[in-house]
Amino acid sequence: MAVPPPSPTQSSPAGAPRPARHGAFHALTVVAVDRLTDDSVALTLRVPQELRAEYRHAPGQHLTLRRSTPEGSEVRRTYSICSPAPGEAGPSLLRVGVRLVEGGEFSTFAHKEIAAGDVLDVMVPAGRFVLDPATAPAAAHYAAIVGGSGITPVLSIAASLLAGRPDARFCLVRSDRTAASTMFLEEVADLKDRYPDRFQLVTVLSREEQEAGLPSGRLDEQRLSALLPALLPVAEVTGWFLCGPYGLVQGAERALNALGVVRGRVHEEIFHVEDTAPQGAEDSAPQAAAGRAPSAVASRGRVTARLDGRSGTWPVQDGESLLDAVLRNRADAPYACKGGVCGTCRAFLVSGEVRMDRNFALEAEETEAGFVLACQSHAMTEEVEIDFDR
């Protein structure tokens, strides 16, 4: 998943609910497994009273679920919370959507094995693809373009905004393969029934014709460039939320740019990165702290990491990422996908130089400010220091 930097229309990391400890897992009980489509389910988890403050979340944040395999390895996957943001007391229930991925180890487990009464290891909420209704300006007008399971965090964002701000409006443009594959169909329809004057819904099916509405086909850059001005006053939209596969998000970003939308109003989260993603989208350039110029890759070195107020220094083995070096000594280091997509391992580069292999989670403003993805960062100097607490 790719996440945006804070902006005036978003809750900042300092303002959003933050867990007391990075990467903390707790055992939560599954109270319901609801079949949404043939290839997707919603898991509802009970949060005990003593943990509700830790699981207080902003609209759009996600959870990381963990399981141990029979072979003794560990599988982690990140799923967005679809339920509205709770009050100050925190949630009694959390709901996430899980779409079956071909060959997906955790999604297959969720679809075939998880049942009510099971206990899952769940990390406290994380993520910066959020919208805090309290910070929205008067008469705010937001819009979202989503594809497939990208509806999940946006459902929480839209429901929380419309319930919390009676003067706000929200436009949802969603793309799905067919009507039968559309996740949270009833929940979105309920928003339309509850807020008919403030919630605008546009559905596009890529592989099925609709009796009414837009013709079928993919929502690409060209189509969005023509569609969006016909739907709403593009220049007056307070903020745009793009979520789904890499291709759809990038096409929507280019369409908005062509329509003159300021980049700071566009917030992105990527759910799936195709293997053929253009290399230009990945930040493989060296990252240096304090403006120092990159140097040759160090064959060995040491990493100093600050996590939950404690610091340690450990050797970095040849070829390993900074995250792996830290994990050998601090098993509680935060991570989920290890693929440069979810942003869970985001850290501030205090000193030294690193190279990031892939980056689909940090915006240019974040990397320029000195943030890196620990799972994709390799030391290019003998000494590197990172801070997970920033």
Protein backbone atom coordinates (compact mmCIF):
# COMPACT_ATOMS: atom_id res chain seq x y z
CA MET A 1 0.00 0.00 0.00
CA ALA A 2 1.21 3.58 -0.79
CA VAL A 3 0.32 6.26 1.73
CA PRO A 4 0.39 10.06 1.61
CA PRO A 5 2.11 12.59 3.79
CA PRO A 6 -0.06 14.54 6.20
CA SER A 7 -1.94 17.49 4.77
CA PRO A 8 -4.41 20.07 6.09
CA THR A 9 -7.27 17.74 5.05
CA GLN A 10 -5.83 14.73 6.85
CA SER A 11 -5.12 13.83 10.41
CA SER A 12 -1.39 14.01 10.97
CA PRO A 13 0.56 11.17 12.55
CA ALA A 14 0.70 13.27 15.71
CA GLY A 15 -3.04 13.88 15.70
CA ALA A 16 -4.19 10.41 14.72
CA PRO A 17 -4.59 7.73 17.37
CA ARG A 18 -1.23 6.03 17.87
CA PRO A 19 -0.51 2.80 19.66
CA ALA A 20 1.57 2.86 22.80
CA ARG A 21 4.03 0.45 21.25
CA HIS A 22 5.07 -0.02 17.61
CA GLY A 23 4.18 -3.34 16.07
CA ALA A 24 2.38 -4.67 19.16
CA PHE A 25 0.21 -7.74 18.55
CA HIS A 26 -2.71 -8.89 20.69
CA ALA A 27 -4.94 -11.95 20.48
CA LEU A 28 -8.44 -10.99 19.26
CA THR A 29 -11.38 -13.34 18.87
CA VAL A 30 -13.24 -13.68 15.57
CA VAL A 31 -16.96 -13.19 16.20
CA ALA A 32 -18.17 -13.38 12.59
CA VAL A 33 -17.02 -14.38 9.12
CA ASP A 34 -19.36 -12.84 6.53
CA ARG A 35 -19.26 -13.90 2.89
CA LEU A 36 -19.26 -10.75 0.76
CA THR A 37 -18.69 -12.30 -2.68
CA ASP A 38 -17.45 -15.63 -3.98
CA ASP A 39 -13.88 -14.47 -3.42
CA SER A 40 -14.10 -12.11 -0.44
CA VAL A 41 -15.08 -12.21 3.23
CA ALA A 42 -15.35 -9.75 6.10
CA LEU A 43 -13.83 -10.72 9.44
CA THR A 44 -15.29 -9.15 12.58
CA LEU A 45 -13.01 -9.14 15.63
CA ARG A 46 -13.91 -8.50 19.25
CA VAL A 47 -11.72 -6.04 21.16
CA PRO A 48 -11.69 -6.57 24.93
CA GLN A 49 -12.29 -3.57 27.15
CA GLU A 50 -8.66 -3.31 28.29
CA LEU A 51 -7.36 -3.07 24.70
CA ARG A 52 -9.88 -0.66 23.19
CA ALA A 53 -7.69 2.39 23.66
CA GLU A 54 -4.85 0.68 21.74
CA TYR A 55 -7.19 -0.20 18.85
CA ARG A 56 -8.70 3.26 18.52
CA HIS A 57 -8.19 4.10 14.85
CA ALA A 58 -8.61 6.88 12.35
CA PRO A 59 -10.84 6.34 9.28
CA GLY A 60 -8.72 4.60 6.63
CA GLN A 61 -6.17 2.85 8.85
CA HIS A 62 -5.34 -0.85 8.61
CA LEU A 63 -4.57 -3.91 10.71
CA THR A 64 -1.83 -6.49 10.25
CA LEU A 65 -2.88 -10.08 10.89
CA ARG A 66 -0.33 -12.76 11.75
CA ARG A 67 -0.33 -16.53 11.72
CA SER A 68 2.26 -19.26 12.17
CA THR A 69 2.41 -21.99 9.54
CA PRO A 70 2.78 -25.70 10.30
CA GLU A 71 6.35 -25.40 8.97
CA GLY A 72 7.19 -22.89 11.68
CA SER A 73 7.34 -19.76 9.53
CA GLU A 74 5.33 -16.60 10.06
CA VAL A 75 2.89 -15.00 7.63
CA ARG A 76 1.74 -11.37 7.99
CA ARG A 77 -0.84 -9.60 5.86
CA THR A 78 -2.33 -6.13 6.08
CA TYR A 79 -6.07 -5.46 5.71
CA SER A 80 -7.87 -2.14 5.93
CA ILE A 81 -10.53 -1.50 8.54
CA CYS A 82 -13.92 -0.96 6.89
CA SER A 83 -15.88 -0.03 10.01
CA PRO A 84 -16.30 3.67 10.93
CA ALA A 85 -13.85 5.24 13.33
CA PRO A 86 -14.84 4.77 17.00
CA GLY A 87 -15.17 7.34 19.74
CA GLU A 88 -12.62 8.15 22.40
CA ALA A 89 -13.32 4.90 24.26
CA GLY A 90 -12.13 2.85 21.29
CA PRO A 91 -13.90 0.09 19.35
CA SER A 92 -15.59 -2.97 20.79
CA LEU A 93 -15.53 -4.55 17.32
CA LEU A 94 -13.22 -4.23 14.30
CA ARG A 95 -14.12 -5.35 10.77
CA VAL A 96 -11.75 -5.94 7.85
CA GLY A 97 -12.31 -7.16 4.31
CA VAL A 98 -10.20 -9.99 2.86
CA ARG A 99 -10.19 -10.72 -0.85
CA LEU A 100 -8.92 -14.11 -2.00
CA VAL A 101 -5.65 -13.81 -3.90
CA GLU A 102 -4.58 -16.68 -6.13
CA GLY A 103 -1.86 -18.52 -4.23
CA GLY A 104 -2.25 -16.14 -1.30
CA GLU A 105 -1.25 -17.93 1.88
CA PHE A 106 -3.19 -15.82 4.36
CA SER A 107 -6.22 -15.02 2.19
CA THR A 108 -6.68 -18.74 1.46
CA PHE A 109 -6.45 -19.44 5.18
CA ALA A 110 -9.04 -16.74 5.87
CA HIS A 111 -11.48 -18.09 3.30
CA LYS A 112 -11.15 -21.79 4.05
CA GLU A 113 -10.23 -22.09 7.72
CA ILE A 114 -11.06 -19.07 9.86
CA ALA A 115 -14.35 -19.41 11.73
CA ALA A 116 -16.19 -17.61 14.53
CA GLY A 117 -14.51 -18.37 17.83
CA ASP A 118 -10.99 -18.54 16.40
CA VAL A 119 -8.31 -16.30 17.88
CA LEU A 120 -6.01 -14.24 15.63
CA ASP A 121 -2.86 -12.23 16.34
CA VAL A 122 -3.66 -8.66 15.33
CA MET A 123 -1.30 -5.67 15.28
CA VAL A 124 -2.56 -2.34 16.55
CA PRO A 125 -3.89 0.01 13.82
CA ALA A 126 -1.44 1.81 11.57
CA GLY A 127 -1.40 3.78 8.33
CA ARG A 128 -1.63 7.41 7.16
CA PHE A 129 -4.22 7.05 4.39
CA VAL A 130 -6.70 8.79 6.66
CA LEU A 131 -9.23 11.58 6.87
CA ASP A 132 -10.13 13.05 10.24
CA PRO A 133 -13.66 14.53 10.01
CA ALA A 134 -12.81 16.96 12.81
CA THR A 135 -10.16 18.64 10.65
CA ALA A 136 -12.29 18.89 7.51
CA PRO A 137 -13.14 22.48 6.50
CA ALA A 138 -16.72 23.75 6.47
CA ALA A 139 -18.84 22.37 3.63
CA ALA A 140 -16.01 20.07 2.58
CA HIS A 141 -16.41 18.05 -0.60
CA TYR A 142 -14.29 14.90 -0.87
CA ALA A 143 -14.05 12.30 -3.62
CA ALA A 144 -12.59 8.83 -4.00
CA ILE A 145 -11.65 6.63 -6.94
CA VAL A 146 -11.33 3.00 -5.94
CA GLY A 147 -10.89 -0.36 -7.60
CA GLY A 148 -11.89 -3.77 -6.18
CA SER A 149 -10.94 -4.17 -2.54
CA GLY A 150 -9.78 -0.55 -2.51
CA ILE A 151 -13.30 0.22 -1.30
CA THR A 152 -12.40 -1.09 2.18
CA PRO A 153 -10.62 1.93 3.76
CA VAL A 154 -12.71 4.40 1.76
CA LEU A 155 -15.89 2.87 3.20
CA SER A 156 -14.64 3.77 6.68
CA ILE A 157 -13.56 7.24 5.51
CA ALA A 158 -16.88 8.06 3.83
CA ALA A 159 -19.05 6.67 6.62
CA SER A 160 -17.08 8.50 9.32
CA LEU A 161 -17.09 11.81 7.43
CA LEU A 162 -20.79 11.79 6.56
CA ALA A 163 -21.81 10.84 10.09
CA GLY A 164 -19.46 13.30 11.80
CA ARG A 165 -19.91 16.32 9.53
CA PRO A 166 -23.50 17.05 8.43
CA ASP A 167 -22.23 19.74 6.06
CA ALA A 168 -19.80 17.47 4.17
CA ARG A 169 -20.28 15.71 0.84
CA PHE A 170 -18.58 12.66 -0.60
CA CYS A 171 -18.39 11.31 -4.16
CA LEU A 172 -17.38 7.68 -4.66
CA VAL A 173 -16.31 6.40 -8.08
CA ARG A 174 -15.76 2.67 -7.84
CA SER A 175 -14.61 0.12 -10.40
CA ASP A 176 -15.25 -3.63 -10.16
CA ARG A 177 -15.10 -6.53 -12.55
CA THR A 178 -18.75 -7.59 -12.21
CA ALA A 179 -21.69 -6.87 -9.90
CA ALA A 180 -21.18 -10.27 -8.26
CA SER A 181 -17.55 -9.41 -7.40
CA THR A 182 -18.39 -6.07 -5.78
CA MET A 183 -17.37 -5.96 -2.10
CA PHE A 184 -19.51 -4.18 0.52
CA LEU A 185 -22.36 -3.66 -1.91
CA GLU A 186 -24.98 -3.41 0.85
CA GLU A 187 -22.88 -1.14 3.04
CA VAL A 188 -22.34 1.35 0.20
CA ALA A 189 -26.03 1.21 -0.72
CA ASP A 190 -26.87 1.99 2.91
CA LEU A 191 -24.73 5.13 2.76
CA LYS A 192 -26.64 6.21 -0.34
CA ASP A 193 -29.97 5.63 1.43
CA ARG A 194 -28.89 7.48 4.59
CA TYR A 195 -27.27 10.46 2.86
CA PRO A 196 -29.02 10.80 -0.52
CA ASP A 197 -28.17 14.49 -0.87
CA ARG A 198 -24.56 14.27 0.31
CA PHE A 199 -23.29 10.92 -0.99
CA GLN A 200 -22.79 10.48 -4.73
CA LEU A 201 -22.10 6.98 -6.05
CA VAL A 202 -20.84 6.09 -9.53
CA THR A 203 -20.19 2.42 -10.35
CA VAL A 204 -18.26 1.16 -13.36
CA LEU A 205 -18.02 -2.55 -14.22
CA SER A 206 -15.08 -3.55 -16.38
CA ARG A 207 -16.39 -6.96 -17.52
CA GLU A 208 -20.17 -6.63 -17.39
CA GLU A 209 -22.73 -4.30 -18.89
CA GLN A 210 -25.14 -2.51 -16.53
CA GLU A 211 -28.81 -1.93 -17.26
CA ALA A 212 -28.31 1.70 -16.33
CA GLY A 213 -25.33 3.91 -15.72
CA LEU A 214 -21.94 4.06 -17.38
CA PRO A 215 -20.81 1.65 -20.11
CA SER A 216 -18.49 -1.16 -19.08
CA GLY A 217 -14.74 -0.85 -19.36
CA ARG A 218 -11.67 -0.04 -17.30
CA LEU A 219 -11.28 3.30 -15.55
CA ASP A 220 -8.07 4.42 -17.18
CA GLU A 221 -6.53 7.88 -17.41
CA GLN A 222 -8.33 8.86 -20.60
CA ARG A 223 -11.73 7.78 -19.37
CA LEU A 224 -11.34 9.47 -15.98
CA SER A 225 -10.18 12.70 -17.60
CA ALA A 226 -13.50 12.89 -19.43
CA LEU A 227 -15.71 11.43 -16.68
CA LEU A 228 -14.69 13.41 -13.60
CA PRO A 229 -15.52 16.95 -14.86
CA ALA A 230 -18.97 15.66 -15.86
CA LEU A 231 -19.61 14.31 -12.36
CA LEU A 232 -18.48 17.09 -10.04
CA PRO A 233 -16.63 20.41 -9.90
CA VAL A 234 -13.11 18.98 -9.89
CA ALA A 235 -11.39 22.21 -8.82
CA GLU A 236 -13.64 22.56 -5.76
CA VAL A 237 -12.98 19.09 -4.32
CA THR A 238 -11.24 19.37 -0.95
CA GLY A 239 -9.35 16.10 -1.22
CA TRP A 240 -9.12 13.01 -3.43
CA PHE A 241 -8.56 9.47 -2.15
CA LEU A 242 -7.24 6.92 -4.64
CA CYS A 243 -7.12 3.27 -3.58
CA GLY A 244 -6.75 -0.03 -5.39
CA PRO A 245 -4.39 -1.69 -7.86
CA TYR A 246 -1.26 0.14 -8.96
CA GLY A 247 -2.48 0.71 -12.52
CA LEU A 248 -5.78 2.30 -11.50
CA VAL A 249 -4.21 4.55 -8.88
CA GLN A 250 -1.49 5.77 -11.24
CA GLY A 251 -4.00 6.36 -14.04
CA ALA A 252 -6.25 8.33 -11.70
CA GLU A 253 -3.31 10.39 -10.46
CA ARG A 254 -2.33 11.32 -14.02
CA ALA A 255 -5.94 12.21 -14.87
CA LEU A 256 -6.23 14.50 -11.85
CA ASN A 257 -2.91 16.12 -12.68
CA ALA A 258 -4.11 16.80 -16.22
CA LEU A 259 -7.26 18.36 -14.77
CA GLY A 260 -5.15 20.76 -12.70
CA VAL A 261 -5.64 19.20 -9.27
CA VAL A 262 -2.90 20.22 -6.82
CA ARG A 263 -0.82 17.18 -5.82
CA GLY A 264 -1.25 17.95 -2.12
CA ARG A 265 -4.97 17.23 -2.43
CA VAL A 266 -4.40 13.71 -3.77
CA HIS A 267 -3.92 10.85 -1.29
CA GLU A 268 -3.05 7.34 -2.42
CA GLU A 269 -2.97 3.79 -1.14
CA ILE A 270 -1.91 0.91 -3.38
CA PHE A 271 -3.30 -2.55 -2.65
CA HIS A 272 -1.57 -4.53 -5.36
CA VAL A 273 1.55 -3.89 -7.40
CA GLU A 274 1.74 -5.77 -10.67
CA ASP A 275 5.03 -7.47 -11.46
CA THR A 276 5.19 -5.33 -14.60
CA ALA A 277 5.00 -2.02 -12.72
CA PRO A 278 7.27 0.49 -14.46
CA GLN A 279 10.63 0.94 -12.82
CA GLY A 280 10.13 4.69 -12.90
CA ALA A 281 7.52 4.32 -10.17
CA GLU A 282 9.99 2.77 -7.80
CA ASP A 283 12.44 4.84 -5.81
CA SER A 284 15.69 2.97 -6.29
CA ALA A 285 17.83 6.06 -5.82
CA PRO A 286 20.11 6.23 -2.80
CA GLN A 287 18.76 8.12 0.21
CA ALA A 288 21.23 10.16 2.21
CA ALA A 289 20.77 11.83 5.58
CA ALA A 290 21.56 15.51 6.13
CA GLY A 291 22.17 16.13 2.43
CA ARG A 292 25.28 13.98 2.17
CA ALA A 293 26.16 12.61 -1.23
CA PRO A 294 25.74 8.84 -1.82
CA SER A 295 28.82 6.67 -1.75
CA ALA A 296 29.64 3.11 -2.75
CA VAL A 297 27.61 0.28 -1.19
CA ALA A 298 29.10 -0.90 2.07
CA SER A 299 29.70 -4.64 2.24
CA ARG A 300 29.32 -4.60 6.03
CA GLY A 301 28.28 -2.06 8.61
CA ARG A 302 26.18 -1.36 11.65
CA VAL A 303 22.67 -0.04 12.13
CA THR A 304 21.49 1.91 15.14
CA ALA A 305 17.72 1.83 15.55
CA ARG A 306 15.42 3.60 17.97
CA LEU A 307 12.15 1.81 18.67
CA ASP A 308 9.63 2.52 21.43
CA GLY A 309 12.10 4.75 23.20
CA ARG A 310 14.98 2.22 23.27
CA SER A 311 18.02 2.26 21.00
CA GLY A 312 20.44 -0.47 20.00
CA THR A 313 23.30 -0.95 17.57
CA TRP A 314 23.79 -4.19 15.64
CA PRO A 315 25.83 -5.49 12.68
CA VAL A 316 24.33 -5.56 9.20
CA GLN A 317 25.14 -8.69 7.25
CA ASP A 318 25.99 -8.65 3.56
CA GLY A 319 22.93 -8.05 1.41
CA GLU A 320 20.35 -7.84 4.17
CA SER A 321 17.91 -5.00 4.68
CA LEU A 322 18.00 -2.73 7.69
CA LEU A 323 14.71 -4.24 8.84
CA ASP A 324 16.12 -7.77 8.81
CA ALA A 325 19.18 -6.59 10.73
CA VAL A 326 16.95 -5.02 13.37
CA LEU A 327 14.61 -8.02 13.52
CA ARG A 328 17.49 -10.34 14.39
CA ASN A 329 17.81 -8.35 17.62
CA ARG A 330 14.39 -6.75 18.12
CA ALA A 331 11.58 -9.13 17.18
CA ASP A 332 9.06 -6.34 17.85
CA ALA A 333 10.23 -4.17 14.94
CA PRO A 334 7.15 -3.13 12.91
CA TYR A 335 6.60 -4.68 9.48
CA ALA A 336 3.94 -6.42 7.43
CA CYS A 337 4.42 -6.94 3.69
CA LYS A 338 8.23 -6.59 3.37
CA GLY A 339 7.54 -5.57 -0.23
CA GLY A 340 7.69 -1.79 -0.05
CA VAL A 341 3.91 -1.44 -0.32
CA CYS A 342 2.26 -1.17 3.11
CA GLY A 343 4.53 1.39 4.80
CA THR A 344 4.40 -0.31 8.21
CA CYS A 345 8.22 -0.25 8.54
CA ARG A 346 8.52 3.48 7.83
CA ALA A 347 11.46 5.03 9.70
CA PHE A 348 13.37 8.30 9.77
CA LEU A 349 16.95 8.20 8.50
CA VAL A 350 18.90 10.04 11.19
CA SER A 351 22.37 9.55 9.71
CA GLY A 352 24.18 7.56 7.07
CA GLU A 353 23.09 6.59 3.57
CA VAL A 354 20.77 3.84 2.32
CA ARG A 355 19.44 2.51 -0.97
CA MET A 356 15.76 1.65 -1.27
CA ASP A 357 15.04 -1.14 -3.75
CA ARG A 358 11.29 -0.48 -4.00
CA ASN A 359 9.00 2.23 -2.73
CA PHE A 360 5.26 2.20 -3.26
CA ALA A 361 4.43 3.50 0.23
CA LEU A 362 6.19 6.84 0.68
CA GLU A 363 5.41 10.04 -1.18
CA ALA A 364 8.13 12.33 -2.48
CA GLU A 365 7.53 14.74 0.41
CA GLU A 366 8.26 11.94 2.89
CA THR A 367 11.48 10.76 1.26
CA GLU A 368 12.65 14.36 0.92
CA ALA A 369 11.97 14.81 4.63
CA GLY A 370 14.24 11.82 5.36
CA PHE A 371 11.86 8.88 5.75
CA VAL A 372 12.68 5.43 4.35
CA LEU A 373 11.18 1.95 4.25
CA ALA A 374 13.36 -0.23 6.47
CA CYS A 375 12.34 -3.40 4.61
CA GLN A 376 13.71 -2.02 1.33
CA SER A 377 16.69 -0.06 2.67
CA HIS A 378 20.27 -1.33 2.38
CA ALA A 379 23.20 0.38 4.07
CA MET A 380 25.54 2.33 1.81
CA THR A 381 27.76 3.56 4.64
CA GLU A 382 29.41 1.72 7.50
CA GLU A 383 27.15 3.42 10.06
CA VAL A 384 23.42 4.01 9.61
CA GLU A 385 20.94 5.27 12.19
CA ILE A 386 17.16 5.06 11.83
CA ASP A 387 14.30 6.06 14.11
CA PHE A 388 10.98 4.18 14.07
CA ASP A 389 9.53 6.58 16.65
CA ARG A 390 9.44 9.69 14.44
